[in-house]
Amino acid sequence: MPEAVRRMEEAYGSSSARYRQNASAGALGRMEAVFGWINALPSEGDRKGIYA
């Protein structure tokens, strides 16, 4: 049988809740457009420089 939890910080749900904001549909569309522009550059060095 598992050991009983004796301290509050070890208990489930005792920490504060976290919120993760998701990207909007518009932001994802703009990101895809920019990736297309970057990947269309003829020089591989230019593409690596932008992504770095």
C-alpha atoms as a PDB file:
ATOM      1  CA  MET A   1       0.000   0.000   0.000  1.00  0.00           C
ATOM      2  CA  PRO A   2       1.350   3.499  -0.845  1.00  0.00           C
ATOM      3  CA  GLU A   3       2.568   5.802   1.892  1.00  0.00           C
ATOM      4  CA  ALA A   4       0.016   8.359   3.091  1.00  0.00           C
ATOM      5  CA  VAL A   5       0.556  11.995   2.100  1.00  0.00           C
ATOM      6  CA  ARG A   6       1.363  14.000   5.209  1.00  0.00           C
ATOM      7  CA  ARG A   7       2.409  17.398   3.810  1.00  0.00           C
ATOM      8  CA  MET A   8       0.100  19.806   1.974  1.00  0.00           C
ATOM      9  CA  GLU A   9       2.628  20.580  -0.810  1.00  0.00           C
ATOM     10  CA  GLU A  10       2.675  16.886  -1.752  1.00  0.00           C
ATOM     11  CA  ALA A  11      -1.110  16.621  -1.997  1.00  0.00           C
ATOM     12  CA  TYR A  12      -2.868  16.552  -5.361  1.00  0.00           C
ATOM     13  CA  GLY A  13      -4.162  19.983  -6.373  1.00  0.00           C
ATOM     14  CA  SER A  14      -2.312  21.916  -3.696  1.00  0.00           C
ATOM     15  CA  SER A  15      -0.275  23.899  -6.239  1.00  0.00           C
ATOM     16  CA  SER A  16      -1.750  26.859  -8.096  1.00  0.00           C
ATOM     17  CA  ALA A  17      -3.437  26.231 -11.423  1.00  0.00           C
ATOM     18  CA  ARG A  18      -1.501  26.933 -14.642  1.00  0.00           C
ATOM     19  CA  TYR A  19      -2.959  28.500 -17.769  1.00  0.00           C
ATOM     20  CA  ARG A  20      -1.413  28.050 -21.200  1.00  0.00           C
ATOM     21  CA  GLN A  21      -2.554  30.464 -23.880  1.00  0.00           C
ATOM     22  CA  ASN A  22      -3.055  28.942 -27.322  1.00  0.00           C
ATOM     23  CA  ALA A  23      -2.246  30.722 -30.567  1.00  0.00           C
ATOM     24  CA  SER A  24      -5.154  32.204 -32.493  1.00  0.00           C
ATOM     25  CA  ALA A  25      -6.134  30.968 -35.934  1.00  0.00           C
ATOM     26  CA  GLY A  26      -4.946  34.248 -37.462  1.00  0.00           C
ATOM     27  CA  ALA A  27      -1.551  33.968 -35.794  1.00  0.00           C
ATOM     28  CA  LEU A  28      -1.131  30.415 -37.076  1.00  0.00           C
ATOM     29  CA  GLY A  29      -2.047  31.520 -40.598  1.00  0.00           C
ATOM     30  CA  ARG A  30       0.500  34.353 -40.495  1.00  0.00           C
ATOM     31  CA  MET A  31       3.158  31.971 -39.173  1.00  0.00           C
ATOM     32  CA  GLU A  32       2.549  29.543 -42.054  1.00  0.00           C
ATOM     33  CA  ALA A  33       2.788  32.399 -44.563  1.00  0.00           C
ATOM     34  CA  VAL A  34       6.108  33.576 -43.124  1.00  0.00           C
ATOM     35  CA  PHE A  35       7.496  30.027 -43.134  1.00  0.00           C
ATOM     36  CA  GLY A  36       6.548  29.814 -46.815  1.00  0.00           C
ATOM     37  CA  TRP A  37       8.384  33.065 -47.577  1.00  0.00           C
ATOM     38  CA  ILE A  38      11.473  31.988 -45.663  1.00  0.00           C
ATOM     39  CA  ASN A  39      11.605  28.541 -47.255  1.00  0.00           C
ATOM     40  CA  ALA A  40      11.241  30.117 -50.717  1.00  0.00           C
ATOM     41  CA  LEU A  41      14.578  31.942 -50.308  1.00  0.00           C
ATOM     42  CA  PRO A  42      17.060  30.527 -52.826  1.00  0.00           C
ATOM     43  CA  SER A  43      20.077  30.567 -50.508  1.00  0.00           C
ATOM     44  CA  GLU A  44      20.238  27.910 -47.794  1.00  0.00           C
ATOM     45  CA  GLY A  45      22.551  30.177 -45.804  1.00  0.00           C
ATOM     46  CA  ASP A  46      19.905  32.921 -45.766  1.00  0.00           C
ATOM     47  CA  ARG A  47      17.260  30.494 -44.518  1.00  0.00           C
ATOM     48  CA  LYS A  48      19.536  29.191 -41.755  1.00  0.00           C
ATOM     49  CA  GLY A  49      20.414  32.754 -40.758  1.00  0.00           C
ATOM     50  CA  ILE A  50      16.763  33.702 -40.341  1.00  0.00           C
ATOM     51  CA  TYR A  51      15.878  30.562 -38.375  1.00  0.00           C
ATOM     52  CA  ALA A  52      18.915  30.906 -36.080  1.00  0.00           C
END
